C-alpha atoms as a PDB file:
ATOM      1  CA  MET A   1       0.019  -0.094  -0.127  1.00  0.00           C
ATOM      2  CA  GLU A   2       1.211   3.452  -1.089  1.00  0.00           C
ATOM      3  CA  GLN A   3       1.619   6.184   1.780  1.00  0.00           C
ATOM      4  CA  ARG A   4      -0.839   8.491   0.045  1.00  0.00           C
ATOM      5  CA  THR A   5      -3.349   5.384   0.245  1.00  0.00           C
ATOM      6  CA  ALA A   6      -2.567   4.964   3.978  1.00  0.00           C
ATOM      7  CA  ARG A   7      -3.029   8.517   4.691  1.00  0.00           C
ATOM      8  CA  VAL A   8      -6.510   8.536   2.866  1.00  0.00           C
ATOM      9  CA  LEU A   9      -7.729   5.493   4.722  1.00  0.00           C
ATOM     10  CA  ARG A  10      -6.603   7.059   8.145  1.00  0.00           C
ATOM     11  CA  ALA A  11      -8.399  10.179   7.465  1.00  0.00           C
ATOM     12  CA  VAL A  12     -11.445   8.365   6.311  1.00  0.00           C
ATOM     13  CA  VAL A  13     -11.283   5.816   9.489  1.00  0.00           C
ATOM     14  CA  ALA A  14     -10.810   8.716  11.773  1.00  0.00           C
ATOM     15  CA  ALA A  15     -13.969  10.530   9.948  1.00  0.00           C
ATOM     16  CA  LEU A  16     -15.908   7.335  10.556  1.00  0.00           C
ATOM     17  CA  VAL A  17     -14.778   7.101  14.328  1.00  0.00           C
ATOM     18  CA  PHE A  18     -15.733  10.602  14.806  1.00  0.00           C
ATOM     19  CA  ALA A  19     -19.240  10.140  13.224  1.00  0.00           C
ATOM     20  CA  THR A  20     -19.959   6.999  15.606  1.00  0.00           C
ATOM     21  CA  ALA A  21     -18.418   8.637  18.593  1.00  0.00           C
ATOM     22  CA  ALA A  22     -20.584  11.795  17.854  1.00  0.00           C
ATOM     23  CA  PHE A  23     -23.729   9.798  17.366  1.00  0.00           C
ATOM     24  CA  HIS A  24     -23.299   7.837  20.484  1.00  0.00           C
ATOM     25  CA  LEU A  25     -22.321  10.886  22.726  1.00  0.00           C
ATOM     26  CA  TRP A  26     -25.528  12.644  21.156  1.00  0.00           C
ATOM     27  CA  TRP A  27     -27.750   9.999  21.947  1.00  0.00           C
ATOM     28  CA  GLY A  28     -26.023   8.878  25.388  1.00  0.00           C
ATOM     29  CA  LEU A  29     -25.222  11.991  27.247  1.00  0.00           C
ATOM     30  CA  PRO A  30     -28.712  13.334  27.609  1.00  0.00           C
ATOM     31  CA  ARG A  31     -30.351  10.306  28.487  1.00  0.00           C
ATOM     32  CA  SER A  32     -27.572   9.591  31.115  1.00  0.00           C
ATOM     33  CA  ILE A  33     -28.242  13.040  32.582  1.00  0.00           C
ATOM     34  CA  VAL A  34     -32.047  12.103  32.818  1.00  0.00           C
ATOM     35  CA  TYR A  35     -31.480   8.831  33.996  1.00  0.00           C
ATOM     36  CA  LEU A  36     -29.317   9.964  36.891  1.00  0.00           C
ATOM     37  CA  GLN A  37     -31.979  12.615  37.742  1.00  0.00           C
ATOM     38  CA  ALA A  38     -34.464   9.825  37.815  1.00  0.00           C
ATOM     39  CA  TYR A  39     -32.378   6.857  39.497  1.00  0.00           C
ATOM     40  CA  GLY A  40     -34.382   7.048  42.722  1.00  0.00           C
ATOM     41  CA  LEU A  41     -37.776   7.055  41.259  1.00  0.00           C
ATOM     42  CA  LEU A  42     -36.941   4.103  38.693  1.00  0.00           C
ATOM     43  CA  SER A  43     -35.161   2.095  41.680  1.00  0.00           C
ATOM     44  CA  ALA A  44     -38.221   2.885  43.838  1.00  0.00           C
ATOM     45  CA  GLN A  45     -40.325   1.085  41.279  1.00  0.00           C
ATOM     46  CA  GLY A  46     -37.860  -1.828  40.641  1.00  0.00           C
ATOM     47  CA  ILE A  47     -37.180  -0.619  37.171  1.00  0.00           C
ATOM     48  CA  PRO A  48     -33.171  -0.298  36.566  1.00  0.00           C
ATOM     49  CA  PRO A  49     -32.294   2.529  34.244  1.00  0.00           C
ATOM     50  CA  ASP A  50     -31.275   1.782  30.657  1.00  0.00           C
ATOM     51  CA  PRO A  51     -27.588   1.092  31.043  1.00  0.00           C
ATOM     52  CA  ARG A  52     -26.908   2.191  27.462  1.00  0.00           C
ATOM     53  CA  PRO A  53     -26.375   5.864  27.786  1.00  0.00           C
ATOM     54  CA  TYR A  54     -23.633   5.403  30.411  1.00  0.00           C
ATOM     55  CA  PHE A  55     -22.059   3.020  27.966  1.00  0.00           C
ATOM     56  CA  PHE A  56     -22.412   5.062  24.935  1.00  0.00           C
ATOM     57  CA  VAL A  57     -20.635   8.239  26.665  1.00  0.00           C
ATOM     58  CA  VAL A  58     -17.770   5.988  27.736  1.00  0.00           C
ATOM     59  CA  PHE A  59     -17.588   4.665  24.180  1.00  0.00           C
ATOM     60  CA  ALA A  60     -17.573   7.834  22.388  1.00  0.00           C
ATOM     61  CA  VAL A  61     -14.873   9.034  24.949  1.00  0.00           C
ATOM     62  CA  LEU A  62     -12.832   6.067  24.264  1.00  0.00           C
ATOM     63  CA  LEU A  63     -13.269   6.565  20.689  1.00  0.00           C
ATOM     64  CA  LEU A  64     -12.560  10.249  20.786  1.00  0.00           C
ATOM     65  CA  SER A  65      -9.399   9.984  22.635  1.00  0.00           C
ATOM     66  CA  GLY A  66      -7.698   7.430  20.237  1.00  0.00           C
ATOM     67  CA  PRO A  67      -6.614   9.946  17.522  1.00  0.00           C
ATOM     68  CA  TYR A  68      -5.754  12.535  20.209  1.00  0.00           C
ATOM     69  CA  LEU A  69      -3.504   9.933  21.823  1.00  0.00           C
ATOM     70  CA  VAL A  70      -2.119   8.826  18.740  1.00  0.00           C
ATOM     71  CA  THR A  71      -1.245  12.599  17.463  1.00  0.00           C
ATOM     72  CA  ARG A  72       0.543  12.680  20.720  1.00  0.00           C
ATOM     73  CA  ARG A  73       2.478   9.679  20.197  1.00  0.00           C
ATOM     74  CA  VAL A  74       0.934   8.062  23.547  1.00  0.00           C
ATOM     75  CA  VAL A  75      -0.371   5.162  21.620  1.00  0.00           C
ATOM     76  CA  SER A  76       1.112   3.430  18.614  1.00  0.00           C
ATOM     77  CA  LEU A  77      -0.899   3.353  15.285  1.00  0.00           C
ATOM     78  CA  ARG A  78      -0.804  -0.573  15.366  1.00  0.00           C
ATOM     79  CA  ASN A  79      -2.125  -0.323  19.038  1.00  0.00           C
ATOM     80  CA  ALA A  80      -4.921   2.459  17.941  1.00  0.00           C
ATOM     81  CA  TYR A  81      -5.773   0.145  15.067  1.00  0.00           C
ATOM     82  CA  VAL A  82      -6.368  -2.818  17.193  1.00  0.00           C
ATOM     83  CA  ALA A  83      -8.109  -0.809  19.735  1.00  0.00           C
ATOM     84  CA  GLY A  84     -10.383   0.763  17.307  1.00  0.00           C
ATOM     85  CA  THR A  85     -11.230  -2.655  15.688  1.00  0.00           C
ATOM     86  CA  LEU A  86     -12.039  -4.135  19.051  1.00  0.00           C
ATOM     87  CA  LEU A  87     -14.212  -0.961  19.956  1.00  0.00           C
ATOM     88  CA  LEU A  88     -16.303  -1.011  16.864  1.00  0.00           C
ATOM     89  CA  VAL A  89     -16.691  -4.702  16.725  1.00  0.00           C
ATOM     90  CA  GLY A  90     -17.723  -4.674  20.638  1.00  0.00           C
ATOM     91  CA  SER A  91     -20.105  -1.961  19.681  1.00  0.00           C
ATOM     92  CA  ILE A  92     -21.748  -3.980  17.023  1.00  0.00           C
ATOM     93  CA  ALA A  93     -21.612  -7.155  19.300  1.00  0.00           C
ATOM     94  CA  ALA A  94     -23.215  -5.180  22.226  1.00  0.00           C
ATOM     95  CA  TRP A  95     -25.994  -3.881  19.817  1.00  0.00           C
ATOM     96  CA  VAL A  96     -26.907  -7.520  18.821  1.00  0.00           C
ATOM     97  CA  PHE A  97     -26.544  -8.675  22.159  1.00  0.00           C
ATOM     98  CA  TRP A  98     -29.053  -5.848  23.444  1.00  0.00           C
ATOM     99  CA  HIS A  99     -31.795  -6.708  20.983  1.00  0.00           C
ATOM    100  CA  ALA A 100     -31.426 -10.386  21.056  1.00  0.00           C
ATOM    101  CA  THR A 101     -31.640 -10.478  25.116  1.00  0.00           C
ATOM    102  CA  GLY A 102     -34.844  -8.445  24.998  1.00  0.00           C
ATOM    103  CA  HIS A 103     -33.450  -4.804  25.541  1.00  0.00           C
ATOM    104  CA  GLY A 104     -32.354  -5.372  28.875  1.00  0.00           C
ATOM    105  CA  ALA A 105     -34.892  -7.833  30.192  1.00  0.00           C
ATOM    106  CA  PHE A 106     -32.157  -9.902  31.294  1.00  0.00           C
ATOM    107  CA  LEU A 107     -31.258  -7.303  33.810  1.00  0.00           C
ATOM    108  CA  VAL A 108     -34.357  -8.122  36.075  1.00  0.00           C
ATOM    109  CA  ASP A 109     -36.682 -10.913  36.479  1.00  0.00           C
ATOM    110  CA  SER A 110     -39.428  -9.068  34.633  1.00  0.00           C
ATOM    111  CA  ALA A 111     -39.472  -7.992  31.050  1.00  0.00           C
ATOM    112  CA  GLN A 112     -40.281  -4.405  32.179  1.00  0.00           C
ATOM    113  CA  THR A 113     -37.273  -2.182  31.794  1.00  0.00           C
ATOM    114  CA  ALA A 114     -36.913   1.520  31.228  1.00  0.00           C
ATOM    115  CA  SER A 115     -36.197   1.090  27.693  1.00  0.00           C
ATOM    116  CA  THR A 116     -38.908  -1.425  27.152  1.00  0.00           C
ATOM    117  CA  ALA A 117     -41.760   0.734  28.544  1.00  0.00           C
ATOM    118  CA  SER A 118     -42.911   1.412  25.193  1.00  0.00           C
ATOM    119  CA  GLY A 119     -43.630  -2.199  24.566  1.00  0.00           C
ATOM    120  CA  HIS A 120     -41.206  -2.674  21.765  1.00  0.00           C
ATOM    121  CA  SER A 121     -39.981  -6.350  21.621  1.00  0.00           C
ATOM    122  CA  HIS A 122     -38.747  -8.858  19.080  1.00  0.00           C
ATOM    123  CA  GLY A 123     -40.478 -12.017  20.609  1.00  0.00           C
ATOM    124  CA  SER A 124     -38.800 -15.126  19.431  1.00  0.00           C
ATOM    125  CA  GLN A 125     -37.311 -13.981  16.322  1.00  0.00           C
ATOM    126  CA  SER A 126     -34.019 -15.331  15.173  1.00  0.00           C
ATOM    127  CA  THR A 127     -30.691 -13.040  15.730  1.00  0.00           C
ATOM    128  CA  VAL A 128     -30.402 -12.985  12.066  1.00  0.00           C
ATOM    129  CA  PHE A 129     -33.731 -11.849  11.272  1.00  0.00           C
ATOM    130  CA  LEU A 130     -33.511  -9.275  13.910  1.00  0.00           C
ATOM    131  CA  VAL A 131     -30.592  -7.706  12.888  1.00  0.00           C
ATOM    132  CA  LEU A 132     -31.921  -7.646   9.107  1.00  0.00           C
ATOM    133  CA  ASP A 133     -35.387  -6.280  10.679  1.00  0.00           C
ATOM    134  CA  HIS A 134     -33.397  -3.318  12.442  1.00  0.00           C
ATOM    135  CA  PHE A 135     -31.599  -2.486   9.399  1.00  0.00           C
ATOM    136  CA  ASP A 136     -34.927  -2.202   7.490  1.00  0.00           C
ATOM    137  CA  THR A 137     -36.799  -0.329  10.301  1.00  0.00           C
ATOM    138  CA  GLU A 138     -34.407   1.742  12.066  1.00  0.00           C
ATOM    139  CA  PRO A 139     -32.497   3.814   9.391  1.00  0.00           C
ATOM    140  CA  VAL A 140     -30.285   5.627  12.230  1.00  0.00           C
ATOM    141  CA  GLU A 141     -29.122   2.401  13.761  1.00  0.00           C
ATOM    142  CA  SER A 142     -28.254   0.873  10.579  1.00  0.00           C
ATOM    143  CA  ALA A 143     -26.447   3.804   9.468  1.00  0.00           C
ATOM    144  CA  ILE A 144     -24.473   3.849  12.312  1.00  0.00           C
ATOM    145  CA  LYS A 145     -23.801   0.209  12.354  1.00  0.00           C
ATOM    146  CA  THR A 146     -22.619   0.428   8.798  1.00  0.00           C
ATOM    147  CA  ILE A 147     -20.454   3.190   9.684  1.00  0.00           C
ATOM    148  CA  GLU A 148     -18.892   0.997  12.340  1.00  0.00           C
ATOM    149  CA  PHE A 149     -18.502  -2.062  10.234  1.00  0.00           C
ATOM    150  CA  LEU A 150     -16.995   0.173   7.468  1.00  0.00           C
ATOM    151  CA  GLY A 151     -14.649   1.300  10.456  1.00  0.00           C
ATOM    152  CA  VAL A 152     -13.437  -2.239  11.120  1.00  0.00           C
ATOM    153  CA  ALA A 153     -13.047  -2.946   7.530  1.00  0.00           C
ATOM    154  CA  ILE A 154     -10.665  -0.149   7.139  1.00  0.00           C
ATOM    155  CA  PHE A 155      -8.905  -0.644  10.529  1.00  0.00           C
ATOM    156  CA  VAL A 156      -8.190  -4.460   9.496  1.00  0.00           C
ATOM    157  CA  THR A 157      -6.767  -3.164   6.179  1.00  0.00           C
ATOM    158  CA  LEU A 158      -4.594  -0.847   7.677  1.00  0.00           C
ATOM    159  CA  LEU A 159      -3.358  -3.406  10.253  1.00  0.00           C
ATOM    160  CA  TRP A 160      -2.607  -5.611   7.194  1.00  0.00           C
ATOM    161  CA  LYS A 161      -1.288  -3.066   4.699  1.00  0.00           C
ATOM    162  CA  ASP A 162      -0.198   0.354   6.505  1.00  0.00           C
ATOM    163  CA  PRO A 163       3.574   0.884   5.481  1.00  0.00           C
ATOM    164  CA  ALA A 164       4.043   2.906   8.570  1.00  0.00           C
ATOM    165  CA  ILE A 165       3.489  -0.321  10.757  1.00  0.00           C
ATOM    166  CA  VAL A 166       4.141  -3.124   8.218  1.00  0.00           C
ATOM    167  CA  PRO A 167       7.730  -3.624   7.525  1.00  0.00           C
ATOM    168  CA  ASN A 168       8.735  -2.443   4.174  1.00  0.00           C
ATOM    169  CA  GLU A 169       9.164  -5.608   1.852  1.00  0.00           C
ATOM    170  CA  SER A 170      12.219  -4.012  -0.158  1.00  0.00           C
ATOM    171  CA  ALA A 171      14.026  -3.116   3.164  1.00  0.00           C
ATOM    172  CA  GLU A 172      13.521  -6.714   4.517  1.00  0.00           C
ATOM    173  CA  ARG A 173      15.002  -7.974   1.129  1.00  0.00           C
ATOM    174  CA  ALA A 174      18.000  -5.877   1.555  1.00  0.00           C
ATOM    175  CA  GLU A 175      18.810  -6.747   4.967  1.00  0.00           C
ATOM    176  CA  ALA A 176      18.194 -10.406   4.233  1.00  0.00           C
ATOM    177  CA  ASP A 177      20.555 -10.142   1.132  1.00  0.00           C
ATOM    178  CA  SER A 178      23.383  -8.197   3.159  1.00  0.00           C
ATOM    179  CA  ALA A 179      23.111 -10.974   5.847  1.00  0.00           C
ATOM    180  CA  SER A 180      23.173 -13.875   3.417  1.00  0.00           C
ATOM    181  CA  GLU A 181      26.457 -12.465   1.861  1.00  0.00           C
ATOM    182  CA  SER A 182      28.101 -12.177   5.265  1.00  0.00           C
END
């Protein structure tokens, strides 16, 4: 991969990371404040607050700290690519897990949680159909998950081909030739 291509891919993945972090912060911060204010009321009724807003805020902060730490040379590109991949895969997996387990119904004995109070449920739908259903009916969720999937694909490509972290083949050949001549 050429340096120019790697720079373009780094810029694209940074934009994708920023977009998903911005969405998670936009969605999570106001809700986490509301849930913090209503925590006593929800607890008194035996309803745990939806944990997603808190996770979304932490997730967004972790994503936004990555480029900052790389530009300050606190974290290497390789470690940033691995962390970015793991965070985005974790977000996709958590999204599937949340919906496959009944929107937090696993947190309590009853199926009534703060996030399912609207009556939204998936019944016994298979996980594959559940994901496809959400891609069809939830355009914002499908856009964010597509952004995250593209981010994973670019991070993996950069891990595999970025010349800044992958040893240069011609330099390796030259070293091998000089070592064999000795």
